[in-house]
Amino acid sequence: MSNQIQIVRGIPELRETVRNWRRQGLSVALVPTMGALHAGHISLVRRAADLADRTIVSIFVNPTQFAPNEDLARYPRTEAADLALLGPERCDLVWTPQPTDMYPDGFATRVLPAGAAAGLESDFRPHFFGGVATVCTKLFGATTPDVAIFGEKDYQQLCVIRQLVRDLNIPIEIIGAETARELDDLALSSRNVYLSAEERAVAPALARVLRDTALKAQALLQNTAAARPAPKAVPMFPEPGQPAPIHQLPALERLCEAAAEALRQAGFAKVDYVAVREADTLRPVNALGARPLRVLGAAWLGTTRLIDNVPG
């Protein structure tokens, strides 16, 4: 059964709708997306509907998080299919702003995160988290939700957004939802449509190698003979926006190098990184002992860049 979803383009109409909900004492959840929706997005919508009285899905392909050489022009834009997919769900409003709504003439303010944004994706896409933090700040300001749902597939992004609302005192609860996967463990992604049949057959190796690395990393951290003493810990983020000193256990570095080689042997053309990080902060692991970890990776199949992560 399809739900009657309100479709809103402009910010004034959006704000008026949310104000009316607030007058009724209703809570609001936001699911930010760039469209090209799939089952992973729908799982976020369902989580949002369980947590609030009203659910907003935003669809906006944010140009500020794409570099000039990236896939902004060819990124899938499938609004009709997206709305059809949302029809049976408990989604109350879809907000589809245009770039001129989000970045009108004279727009000159940008949010530049450090902390969790340092390294990993930022080493290869230095523009990315500035664009993400800026657009999320604007999405939050326009929708004023009580809670926002983000997928754990983009785990560093999730950490950056949590840091953003904490640092800027934005009164929103950020919820991370478990990564949705295909039966062969490939993480669902709008960019999976770019993969050829041969590349699609190779793609699940990313999750497999990351899971194997996570098991080995925990075993290593619990084996006091497995690693040399770590260098003396120093503050990772001495000043906002400044490069951070990184001191990873040498044995973990070797483990990640082996994982990258395993991906190349599996058929990946290039590996940007495989990294073991502390789960809550994304700091490098510089001491022995069991703790929650995240193992993150980014690698290329042809012209398609895949990212994934697993808990450790």
C-alpha atoms as a PDB file:
ATOM      1  CA  MET A   1       0.000   0.000   0.000  1.00  0.00           C
ATOM      2  CA  SER A   2       1.445   3.348  -1.037  1.00  0.00           C
ATOM      3  CA  ASN A   3       1.726   6.222   1.381  1.00  0.00           C
ATOM      4  CA  GLN A   4       0.756   9.770   0.369  1.00  0.00           C
ATOM      5  CA  ILE A   5       4.140  11.472   0.457  1.00  0.00           C
ATOM      6  CA  GLN A   6       4.416  15.242   0.441  1.00  0.00           C
ATOM      7  CA  ILE A   7       7.048  16.398  -2.056  1.00  0.00           C
ATOM      8  CA  VAL A   8       8.687  19.722  -1.275  1.00  0.00           C
ATOM      9  CA  ARG A   9      11.189  21.644  -3.391  1.00  0.00           C
ATOM     10  CA  GLY A  10      11.773  24.910  -1.557  1.00  0.00           C
ATOM     11  CA  ILE A  11      13.009  25.652   1.950  1.00  0.00           C
ATOM     12  CA  PRO A  12      10.099  27.951   2.988  1.00  0.00           C
ATOM     13  CA  GLU A  13       7.484  25.243   2.333  1.00  0.00           C
ATOM     14  CA  LEU A  14       9.646  22.696   4.128  1.00  0.00           C
ATOM     15  CA  ARG A  15       9.965  24.885   7.197  1.00  0.00           C
ATOM     16  CA  GLU A  16       6.245  25.634   7.299  1.00  0.00           C
ATOM     17  CA  THR A  17       5.436  21.916   7.215  1.00  0.00           C
ATOM     18  CA  VAL A  18       7.878  21.164  10.022  1.00  0.00           C
ATOM     19  CA  ARG A  19       6.477  24.048  12.088  1.00  0.00           C
ATOM     20  CA  ASN A  20       2.994  22.576  11.737  1.00  0.00           C
ATOM     21  CA  TRP A  21       4.286  19.214  12.940  1.00  0.00           C
ATOM     22  CA  ARG A  22       5.942  20.866  15.913  1.00  0.00           C
ATOM     23  CA  ARG A  23       2.709  22.629  16.851  1.00  0.00           C
ATOM     24  CA  GLN A  24       1.151  19.160  17.109  1.00  0.00           C
ATOM     25  CA  GLY A  25       3.965  17.974  19.385  1.00  0.00           C
ATOM     26  CA  LEU A  26       5.350  15.584  16.777  1.00  0.00           C
ATOM     27  CA  SER A  27       8.988  14.482  16.596  1.00  0.00           C
ATOM     28  CA  VAL A  28      10.927  14.542  13.329  1.00  0.00           C
ATOM     29  CA  ALA A  29      13.583  12.278  11.809  1.00  0.00           C
ATOM     30  CA  LEU A  30      15.758  13.078   8.792  1.00  0.00           C
ATOM     31  CA  VAL A  31      17.336  10.625   6.350  1.00  0.00           C
ATOM     32  CA  PRO A  32      19.783  12.595   4.167  1.00  0.00           C
ATOM     33  CA  THR A  33      20.436  10.972   0.761  1.00  0.00           C
ATOM     34  CA  MET A  34      21.753  11.803  -2.683  1.00  0.00           C
ATOM     35  CA  GLY A  35      19.006   9.759  -4.315  1.00  0.00           C
ATOM     36  CA  ALA A  36      19.548   6.648  -6.455  1.00  0.00           C
ATOM     37  CA  LEU A  37      17.876   4.869  -3.560  1.00  0.00           C
ATOM     38  CA  HIS A  38      18.298   1.168  -2.861  1.00  0.00           C
ATOM     39  CA  ALA A  39      17.441  -1.285  -0.086  1.00  0.00           C
ATOM     40  CA  GLY A  40      20.117   0.196   2.156  1.00  0.00           C
ATOM     41  CA  HIS A  41      18.436   3.601   2.074  1.00  0.00           C
ATOM     42  CA  ILE A  42      15.060   2.011   2.750  1.00  0.00           C
ATOM     43  CA  SER A  43      16.463   0.369   5.871  1.00  0.00           C
ATOM     44  CA  LEU A  44      17.445   3.859   7.077  1.00  0.00           C
ATOM     45  CA  VAL A  45      13.937   5.177   6.366  1.00  0.00           C
ATOM     46  CA  ARG A  46      12.395   2.341   8.349  1.00  0.00           C
ATOM     47  CA  ARG A  47      14.730   3.004  11.265  1.00  0.00           C
ATOM     48  CA  ALA A  48      13.806   6.689  11.150  1.00  0.00           C
ATOM     49  CA  ALA A  49      10.079   5.903  11.157  1.00  0.00           C
ATOM     50  CA  ASP A  50      10.559   3.741  14.248  1.00  0.00           C
ATOM     51  CA  LEU A  51      12.268   6.599  16.076  1.00  0.00           C
ATOM     52  CA  ALA A  52      10.065   9.607  15.264  1.00  0.00           C
ATOM     53  CA  ASP A  53       6.492  10.590  14.450  1.00  0.00           C
ATOM     54  CA  ARG A  54       7.364  12.116  11.094  1.00  0.00           C
ATOM     55  CA  THR A  55      10.108  11.149   8.629  1.00  0.00           C
ATOM     56  CA  ILE A  56      11.792  13.405   6.058  1.00  0.00           C
ATOM     57  CA  VAL A  57      13.968  12.023   3.266  1.00  0.00           C
ATOM     58  CA  SER A  58      16.147  14.613   1.556  1.00  0.00           C
ATOM     59  CA  ILE A  59      17.372  13.947  -1.983  1.00  0.00           C
ATOM     60  CA  PHE A  60      20.186  16.247  -3.056  1.00  0.00           C
ATOM     61  CA  VAL A  61      23.279  15.455  -5.097  1.00  0.00           C
ATOM     62  CA  ASN A  62      25.631  17.810  -3.313  1.00  0.00           C
ATOM     63  CA  PRO A  63      28.110  19.367  -5.759  1.00  0.00           C
ATOM     64  CA  THR A  64      30.482  20.647  -3.080  1.00  0.00           C
ATOM     65  CA  GLN A  65      31.594  17.141  -2.090  1.00  0.00           C
ATOM     66  CA  PHE A  66      32.690  16.242  -5.620  1.00  0.00           C
ATOM     67  CA  ALA A  67      36.069  17.235  -7.025  1.00  0.00           C
ATOM     68  CA  PRO A  68      36.244  18.392 -10.671  1.00  0.00           C
ATOM     69  CA  ASN A  69      37.595  14.975 -11.741  1.00  0.00           C
ATOM     70  CA  GLU A  70      34.885  12.974  -9.936  1.00  0.00           C
ATOM     71  CA  ASP A  71      31.524  11.611 -11.048  1.00  0.00           C
ATOM     72  CA  LEU A  72      29.112  14.476 -10.296  1.00  0.00           C
ATOM     73  CA  ALA A  73      27.820  14.629 -13.874  1.00  0.00           C
ATOM     74  CA  ARG A  74      27.172  10.896 -14.166  1.00  0.00           C
ATOM     75  CA  TYR A  75      26.000  10.275 -10.589  1.00  0.00           C
ATOM     76  CA  PRO A  76      22.607   8.510 -10.911  1.00  0.00           C
ATOM     77  CA  ARG A  77      19.608  10.830 -10.670  1.00  0.00           C
ATOM     78  CA  THR A  78      16.447   8.722 -10.465  1.00  0.00           C
ATOM     79  CA  GLU A  79      13.806  10.820  -8.707  1.00  0.00           C
ATOM     80  CA  ALA A  80      10.772   9.007 -10.130  1.00  0.00           C
ATOM     81  CA  ALA A  81      12.168   5.609  -9.163  1.00  0.00           C
ATOM     82  CA  ASP A  82      13.172   6.958  -5.747  1.00  0.00           C
ATOM     83  CA  LEU A  83       9.648   8.208  -5.051  1.00  0.00           C
ATOM     84  CA  ALA A  84       8.183   4.886  -6.165  1.00  0.00           C
ATOM     85  CA  LEU A  85      10.519   3.034  -3.812  1.00  0.00           C
ATOM     86  CA  LEU A  86       9.534   5.307  -0.927  1.00  0.00           C
ATOM     87  CA  GLY A  87       5.808   5.001  -1.651  1.00  0.00           C
ATOM     88  CA  PRO A  88       5.119   1.921   0.520  1.00  0.00           C
ATOM     89  CA  GLU A  89       7.305   3.195   3.361  1.00  0.00           C
ATOM     90  CA  ARG A  90       6.474   5.361   6.354  1.00  0.00           C
ATOM     91  CA  CYS A  91       7.966   8.447   4.741  1.00  0.00           C
ATOM     92  CA  ASP A  92       5.975  11.638   5.237  1.00  0.00           C
ATOM     93  CA  LEU A  93       7.941  14.168   3.206  1.00  0.00           C
ATOM     94  CA  VAL A  94      10.581  14.120   0.479  1.00  0.00           C
ATOM     95  CA  TRP A  95      12.617  17.295   0.155  1.00  0.00           C
ATOM     96  CA  THR A  96      14.375  17.739  -3.187  1.00  0.00           C
ATOM     97  CA  PRO A  97      16.152  21.107  -3.214  1.00  0.00           C
ATOM     98  CA  GLN A  98      18.063  22.437  -6.198  1.00  0.00           C
ATOM     99  CA  PRO A  99      21.708  23.582  -6.013  1.00  0.00           C
ATOM    100  CA  THR A 100      20.510  27.193  -6.186  1.00  0.00           C
ATOM    101  CA  ASP A 101      18.397  26.588  -3.071  1.00  0.00           C
ATOM    102  CA  MET A 102      21.355  25.273  -1.122  1.00  0.00           C
ATOM    103  CA  TYR A 103      24.057  27.504  -2.589  1.00  0.00           C
ATOM    104  CA  PRO A 104      22.440  30.740  -3.801  1.00  0.00           C
ATOM    105  CA  ASP A 105      24.373  33.628  -5.303  1.00  0.00           C
ATOM    106  CA  GLY A 106      26.678  35.092  -2.694  1.00  0.00           C
ATOM    107  CA  PHE A 107      27.005  31.894  -0.665  1.00  0.00           C
ATOM    108  CA  ALA A 108      30.388  32.145   1.068  1.00  0.00           C
ATOM    109  CA  THR A 109      30.401  30.028   4.249  1.00  0.00           C
ATOM    110  CA  ARG A 110      31.957  26.586   4.604  1.00  0.00           C
ATOM    111  CA  VAL A 111      32.372  24.143   7.490  1.00  0.00           C
ATOM    112  CA  LEU A 112      35.876  22.625   7.591  1.00  0.00           C
ATOM    113  CA  PRO A 113      36.067  19.632   9.960  1.00  0.00           C
ATOM    114  CA  ALA A 114      39.263  18.199  11.433  1.00  0.00           C
ATOM    115  CA  GLY A 115      39.405  15.404  14.025  1.00  0.00           C
ATOM    116  CA  ALA A 116      37.615  12.389  12.605  1.00  0.00           C
ATOM    117  CA  ALA A 117      37.946  13.894   9.116  1.00  0.00           C
ATOM    118  CA  ALA A 118      41.738  13.579   9.186  1.00  0.00           C
ATOM    119  CA  GLY A 119      43.321  10.930   6.976  1.00  0.00           C
ATOM    120  CA  LEU A 120      41.679   7.965   5.197  1.00  0.00           C
ATOM    121  CA  GLU A 121      39.172   9.513   2.754  1.00  0.00           C
ATOM    122  CA  SER A 122      40.684  12.972   3.191  1.00  0.00           C
ATOM    123  CA  ASP A 123      44.043  11.723   1.946  1.00  0.00           C
ATOM    124  CA  PHE A 124      42.444  10.952  -1.423  1.00  0.00           C
ATOM    125  CA  ARG A 125      39.463  13.329  -1.480  1.00  0.00           C
ATOM    126  CA  PRO A 126      40.640  16.394   0.492  1.00  0.00           C
ATOM    127  CA  HIS A 127      37.562  18.399  -0.523  1.00  0.00           C
ATOM    128  CA  PHE A 128      35.060  15.761   0.547  1.00  0.00           C
ATOM    129  CA  PHE A 129      34.343  16.284   4.228  1.00  0.00           C
ATOM    130  CA  GLY A 130      34.216  20.052   3.916  1.00  0.00           C
ATOM    131  CA  GLY A 131      31.414  19.572   1.392  1.00  0.00           C
ATOM    132  CA  VAL A 132      29.678  16.951   3.531  1.00  0.00           C
ATOM    133  CA  ALA A 133      29.907  18.982   6.752  1.00  0.00           C
ATOM    134  CA  THR A 134      28.649  22.125   5.031  1.00  0.00           C
ATOM    135  CA  VAL A 135      25.669  20.501   3.339  1.00  0.00           C
ATOM    136  CA  CYS A 136      24.690  18.536   6.455  1.00  0.00           C
ATOM    137  CA  THR A 137      24.767  21.715   8.519  1.00  0.00           C
ATOM    138  CA  LYS A 138      22.390  23.268   5.984  1.00  0.00           C
ATOM    139  CA  LEU A 139      20.160  20.184   5.868  1.00  0.00           C
ATOM    140  CA  PHE A 140      19.924  20.166   9.648  1.00  0.00           C
ATOM    141  CA  GLY A 141      19.172  23.891   9.752  1.00  0.00           C
ATOM    142  CA  ALA A 142      16.383  23.606   7.209  1.00  0.00           C
ATOM    143  CA  THR A 143      14.684  20.498   8.623  1.00  0.00           C
ATOM    144  CA  THR A 144      15.447  20.931  12.372  1.00  0.00           C
ATOM    145  CA  PRO A 145      15.056  17.195  13.083  1.00  0.00           C
ATOM    146  CA  ASP A 146      15.266  15.516  16.461  1.00  0.00           C
ATOM    147  CA  VAL A 147      17.248  12.646  14.980  1.00  0.00           C
ATOM    148  CA  ALA A 148      19.132  11.981  11.739  1.00  0.00           C
ATOM    149  CA  ILE A 149      19.992   8.529  10.393  1.00  0.00           C
ATOM    150  CA  PHE A 150      23.228   7.762   8.551  1.00  0.00           C
ATOM    151  CA  GLY A 151      24.474   4.423   7.281  1.00  0.00           C
ATOM    152  CA  GLU A 152      27.606   2.877   8.739  1.00  0.00           C
ATOM    153  CA  LYS A 153      28.843   2.067   5.229  1.00  0.00           C
ATOM    154  CA  ASP A 154      30.266   5.604   5.104  1.00  0.00           C
ATOM    155  CA  TYR A 155      31.743   5.144   8.560  1.00  0.00           C
ATOM    156  CA  GLN A 156      34.204   8.017   8.543  1.00  0.00           C
ATOM    157  CA  GLN A 157      31.414  10.302   7.375  1.00  0.00           C
ATOM    158  CA  LEU A 158      29.249   9.094  10.277  1.00  0.00           C
ATOM    159  CA  CYS A 159      32.055   9.925  12.716  1.00  0.00           C
ATOM    160  CA  VAL A 160      32.529  13.359  11.155  1.00  0.00           C
ATOM    161  CA  ILE A 161      28.799  14.152  11.433  1.00  0.00           C
ATOM    162  CA  ARG A 162      28.710  13.034  15.062  1.00  0.00           C
ATOM    163  CA  GLN A 163      31.669  15.288  15.763  1.00  0.00           C
ATOM    164  CA  LEU A 164      29.994  18.148  13.857  1.00  0.00           C
ATOM    165  CA  VAL A 165      26.816  18.167  15.945  1.00  0.00           C
ATOM    166  CA  ARG A 166      28.821  17.747  19.142  1.00  0.00           C
ATOM    167  CA  ASP A 167      31.305  20.517  18.389  1.00  0.00           C
ATOM    168  CA  LEU A 168      28.718  23.005  17.097  1.00  0.00           C
ATOM    169  CA  ASN A 169      26.082  22.201  19.756  1.00  0.00           C
ATOM    170  CA  ILE A 170      23.496  21.201  17.159  1.00  0.00           C
ATOM    171  CA  PRO A 171      20.636  19.553  19.109  1.00  0.00           C
ATOM    172  CA  ILE A 172      20.255  16.455  16.944  1.00  0.00           C
ATOM    173  CA  GLU A 173      20.826  12.802  17.802  1.00  0.00           C
ATOM    174  CA  ILE A 174      22.886  11.072  15.126  1.00  0.00           C
ATOM    175  CA  ILE A 175      22.065   7.383  14.661  1.00  0.00           C
ATOM    176  CA  GLY A 176      24.294   5.003  12.743  1.00  0.00           C
ATOM    177  CA  ALA A 177      22.541   2.124  10.979  1.00  0.00           C
ATOM    178  CA  GLU A 178      24.262  -1.136  10.071  1.00  0.00           C
ATOM    179  CA  THR A 179      25.471  -1.493   6.489  1.00  0.00           C
ATOM    180  CA  ALA A 180      23.015  -3.260   4.199  1.00  0.00           C
ATOM    181  CA  ARG A 181      24.648  -5.941   2.045  1.00  0.00           C
ATOM    182  CA  GLU A 182      24.020  -8.221  -0.880  1.00  0.00           C
ATOM    183  CA  LEU A 183      23.903 -11.972  -0.219  1.00  0.00           C
ATOM    184  CA  ASP A 184      27.596 -12.217  -1.175  1.00  0.00           C
ATOM    185  CA  ASP A 185      28.499  -9.497   1.376  1.00  0.00           C
ATOM    186  CA  LEU A 186      29.027  -6.605  -1.046  1.00  0.00           C
ATOM    187  CA  ALA A 187      27.933  -3.383   0.644  1.00  0.00           C
ATOM    188  CA  LEU A 188      24.955  -1.781  -1.102  1.00  0.00           C
ATOM    189  CA  SER A 189      25.947   1.409  -2.887  1.00  0.00           C
ATOM    190  CA  SER A 190      24.460   3.624  -5.583  1.00  0.00           C
ATOM    191  CA  ARG A 191      27.783   3.350  -7.412  1.00  0.00           C
ATOM    192  CA  ASN A 192      27.549  -0.450  -7.729  1.00  0.00           C
ATOM    193  CA  VAL A 193      25.626   0.113 -10.965  1.00  0.00           C
ATOM    194  CA  TYR A 194      28.915   1.231 -12.541  1.00  0.00           C
ATOM    195  CA  LEU A 195      30.471  -2.236 -12.120  1.00  0.00           C
ATOM    196  CA  SER A 196      30.813  -4.577 -15.075  1.00  0.00           C
ATOM    197  CA  ALA A 197      29.856  -8.229 -14.613  1.00  0.00           C
ATOM    198  CA  GLU A 198      33.515  -9.155 -14.147  1.00  0.00           C
ATOM    199  CA  GLU A 199      34.090  -6.361 -11.639  1.00  0.00           C
ATOM    200  CA  ARG A 200      30.922  -7.253  -9.749  1.00  0.00           C
ATOM    201  CA  ALA A 201      32.249 -10.796  -9.299  1.00  0.00           C
ATOM    202  CA  VAL A 202      35.432  -9.439  -7.708  1.00  0.00           C
ATOM    203  CA  ALA A 203      33.781  -6.759  -5.537  1.00  0.00           C
ATOM    204  CA  PRO A 204      32.803  -8.939  -2.518  1.00  0.00           C
ATOM    205  CA  ALA A 205      36.504  -9.562  -1.863  1.00  0.00           C
ATOM    206  CA  LEU A 206      36.678  -6.116  -0.262  1.00  0.00           C
ATOM    207  CA  ALA A 207      34.420  -7.093   2.642  1.00  0.00           C
ATOM    208  CA  ARG A 208      36.066 -10.512   2.905  1.00  0.00           C
ATOM    209  CA  VAL A 209      39.562  -9.078   3.223  1.00  0.00           C
ATOM    210  CA  LEU A 210      38.430  -6.434   5.718  1.00  0.00           C
ATOM    211  CA  ARG A 211      36.746  -9.059   7.913  1.00  0.00           C
ATOM    212  CA  ASP A 212      39.864 -11.213   7.845  1.00  0.00           C
ATOM    213  CA  THR A 213      41.971  -8.176   8.770  1.00  0.00           C
ATOM    214  CA  ALA A 214      39.661  -7.346  11.674  1.00  0.00           C
ATOM    215  CA  LEU A 215      40.053 -10.825  13.143  1.00  0.00           C
ATOM    216  CA  LYS A 216      43.825 -10.697  12.774  1.00  0.00           C
ATOM    217  CA  ALA A 217      44.014  -7.192  14.262  1.00  0.00           C
ATOM    218  CA  GLN A 218      42.184  -8.183  17.444  1.00  0.00           C
ATOM    219  CA  ALA A 219      44.347 -11.282  17.810  1.00  0.00           C
ATOM    220  CA  LEU A 220      47.457  -9.164  17.351  1.00  0.00           C
ATOM    221  CA  LEU A 221      46.378  -6.583  19.933  1.00  0.00           C
ATOM    222  CA  GLN A 222      45.859  -9.315  22.497  1.00  0.00           C
ATOM    223  CA  ASN A 223      49.266 -10.871  21.818  1.00  0.00           C
ATOM    224  CA  THR A 224      51.902  -8.871  23.687  1.00  0.00           C
ATOM    225  CA  ALA A 225      54.690 -10.545  21.715  1.00  0.00           C
ATOM    226  CA  ALA A 226      53.240  -9.531  18.372  1.00  0.00           C
ATOM    227  CA  ALA A 227      54.267  -5.891  18.231  1.00  0.00           C
ATOM    228  CA  ARG A 228      57.128  -3.648  19.199  1.00  0.00           C
ATOM    229  CA  PRO A 229      56.392  -0.998  21.818  1.00  0.00           C
ATOM    230  CA  ALA A 230      54.519   1.910  20.270  1.00  0.00           C
ATOM    231  CA  PRO A 231      56.027   5.398  20.175  1.00  0.00           C
ATOM    232  CA  LYS A 232      55.004   7.681  22.988  1.00  0.00           C
ATOM    233  CA  ALA A 233      51.467   8.887  22.383  1.00  0.00           C
ATOM    234  CA  VAL A 234      51.042  12.519  21.390  1.00  0.00           C
ATOM    235  CA  PRO A 235      47.859  14.515  20.776  1.00  0.00           C
ATOM    236  CA  MET A 236      46.504  13.459  17.399  1.00  0.00           C
ATOM    237  CA  PHE A 237      44.888  16.806  16.602  1.00  0.00           C
ATOM    238  CA  PRO A 238      47.082  19.600  18.030  1.00  0.00           C
ATOM    239  CA  GLU A 239      45.239  22.377  16.162  1.00  0.00           C
ATOM    240  CA  PRO A 240      42.032  22.370  14.136  1.00  0.00           C
ATOM    241  CA  GLY A 241      42.796  21.867  10.481  1.00  0.00           C
ATOM    242  CA  GLN A 242      46.475  21.066  10.997  1.00  0.00           C
ATOM    243  CA  PRO A 243      48.136  17.795   9.936  1.00  0.00           C
ATOM    244  CA  ALA A 244      48.067  15.301  12.772  1.00  0.00           C
ATOM    245  CA  PRO A 245      50.964  13.139  13.890  1.00  0.00           C
ATOM    246  CA  ILE A 246      49.979   9.501  13.411  1.00  0.00           C
ATOM    247  CA  HIS A 247      51.678   6.683  15.316  1.00  0.00           C
ATOM    248  CA  GLN A 248      50.240   3.295  14.404  1.00  0.00           C
ATOM    249  CA  LEU A 249      51.557   0.031  15.795  1.00  0.00           C
ATOM    250  CA  PRO A 250      54.087  -1.232  13.225  1.00  0.00           C
ATOM    251  CA  ALA A 251      52.550  -4.722  13.285  1.00  0.00           C
ATOM    252  CA  LEU A 252      49.162  -3.260  12.346  1.00  0.00           C
ATOM    253  CA  GLU A 253      50.768  -1.333   9.502  1.00  0.00           C
ATOM    254  CA  ARG A 254      52.195  -4.582   8.170  1.00  0.00           C
ATOM    255  CA  LEU A 255      48.806  -6.260   8.547  1.00  0.00           C
ATOM    256  CA  CYS A 256      47.153  -3.502   6.510  1.00  0.00           C
ATOM    257  CA  GLU A 257      49.851  -3.719   3.841  1.00  0.00           C
ATOM    258  CA  ALA A 258      49.176  -7.461   3.556  1.00  0.00           C
ATOM    259  CA  ALA A 259      45.437  -6.783   3.246  1.00  0.00           C
ATOM    260  CA  ALA A 260      46.036  -4.277   0.453  1.00  0.00           C
ATOM    261  CA  GLU A 261      48.127  -6.853  -1.388  1.00  0.00           C
ATOM    262  CA  ALA A 262      45.353  -9.430  -0.932  1.00  0.00           C
ATOM    263  CA  LEU A 263      42.920  -7.032  -2.612  1.00  0.00           C
ATOM    264  CA  ARG A 264      45.275  -6.496  -5.523  1.00  0.00           C
ATOM    265  CA  GLN A 265      45.661 -10.259  -5.884  1.00  0.00           C
ATOM    266  CA  ALA A 266      41.856 -10.600  -5.853  1.00  0.00           C
ATOM    267  CA  GLY A 267      41.608  -8.295  -8.873  1.00  0.00           C
ATOM    268  CA  PHE A 268      41.349  -4.732  -7.574  1.00  0.00           C
ATOM    269  CA  ALA A 269      43.232  -2.355  -9.847  1.00  0.00           C
ATOM    270  CA  LYS A 270      44.325   0.013  -7.090  1.00  0.00           C
ATOM    271  CA  VAL A 271      43.998   0.153  -3.305  1.00  0.00           C
ATOM    272  CA  ASP A 272      43.762   3.595  -1.736  1.00  0.00           C
ATOM    273  CA  TYR A 273      43.947   2.315   1.824  1.00  0.00           C
ATOM    274  CA  VAL A 274      43.236  -0.435   4.296  1.00  0.00           C
ATOM    275  CA  ALA A 275      43.343   0.890   7.855  1.00  0.00           C
ATOM    276  CA  VAL A 276      42.680  -0.313  11.383  1.00  0.00           C
ATOM    277  CA  ARG A 277      41.310   2.437  13.623  1.00  0.00           C
ATOM    278  CA  GLU A 278      39.754   2.875  17.049  1.00  0.00           C
ATOM    279  CA  ALA A 279      36.039   2.608  16.441  1.00  0.00           C
ATOM    280  CA  ASP A 280      34.817   5.694  18.292  1.00  0.00           C
ATOM    281  CA  THR A 281      37.448   8.247  17.295  1.00  0.00           C
ATOM    282  CA  LEU A 282      39.116   6.814  14.168  1.00  0.00           C
ATOM    283  CA  ARG A 283      42.470   7.439  15.829  1.00  0.00           C
ATOM    284  CA  PRO A 284      45.296   5.099  14.859  1.00  0.00           C
ATOM    285  CA  VAL A 285      45.811   2.219  17.276  1.00  0.00           C
ATOM    286  CA  ASN A 286      49.068   2.867  19.129  1.00  0.00           C
ATOM    287  CA  ALA A 287      48.877   0.467  22.065  1.00  0.00           C
ATOM    288  CA  LEU A 288      48.188  -3.211  22.672  1.00  0.00           C
ATOM    289  CA  GLY A 289      45.016  -4.492  24.296  1.00  0.00           C
ATOM    290  CA  ALA A 290      41.552  -5.451  23.097  1.00  0.00           C
ATOM    291  CA  ARG A 291      39.202  -2.583  22.180  1.00  0.00           C
ATOM    292  CA  PRO A 292      36.441  -1.811  19.659  1.00  0.00           C
ATOM    293  CA  LEU A 293      37.980  -1.358  16.214  1.00  0.00           C
ATOM    294  CA  ARG A 294      36.923  -0.424  12.707  1.00  0.00           C
ATOM    295  CA  VAL A 295      38.733  -1.744   9.693  1.00  0.00           C
ATOM    296  CA  LEU A 296      38.180   0.507   6.687  1.00  0.00           C
ATOM    297  CA  GLY A 297      39.156   0.147   3.064  1.00  0.00           C
ATOM    298  CA  ALA A 298      38.868   1.890  -0.283  1.00  0.00           C
ATOM    299  CA  ALA A 299      39.835   0.286  -3.582  1.00  0.00           C
ATOM    300  CA  TRP A 300      39.194   0.572  -7.301  1.00  0.00           C
ATOM    301  CA  LEU A 301      37.638  -1.805  -9.789  1.00  0.00           C
ATOM    302  CA  GLY A 302      38.110  -0.203 -13.191  1.00  0.00           C
ATOM    303  CA  THR A 303      36.793   3.353 -12.877  1.00  0.00           C
ATOM    304  CA  THR A 304      34.647   2.573  -9.830  1.00  0.00           C
ATOM    305  CA  ARG A 305      35.863   3.322  -6.328  1.00  0.00           C
ATOM    306  CA  LEU A 306      34.376   1.123  -3.606  1.00  0.00           C
ATOM    307  CA  ILE A 307      34.564   1.779   0.124  1.00  0.00           C
ATOM    308  CA  ASP A 308      33.585  -0.481   2.992  1.00  0.00           C
ATOM    309  CA  ASN A 309      34.281  -1.086   6.658  1.00  0.00           C
ATOM    310  CA  VAL A 310      33.666  -3.740   9.274  1.00  0.00           C
ATOM    311  CA  PRO A 311      33.754  -3.787  13.070  1.00  0.00           C
ATOM    312  CA  GLY A 312      36.673  -5.479  14.757  1.00  0.00           C
END
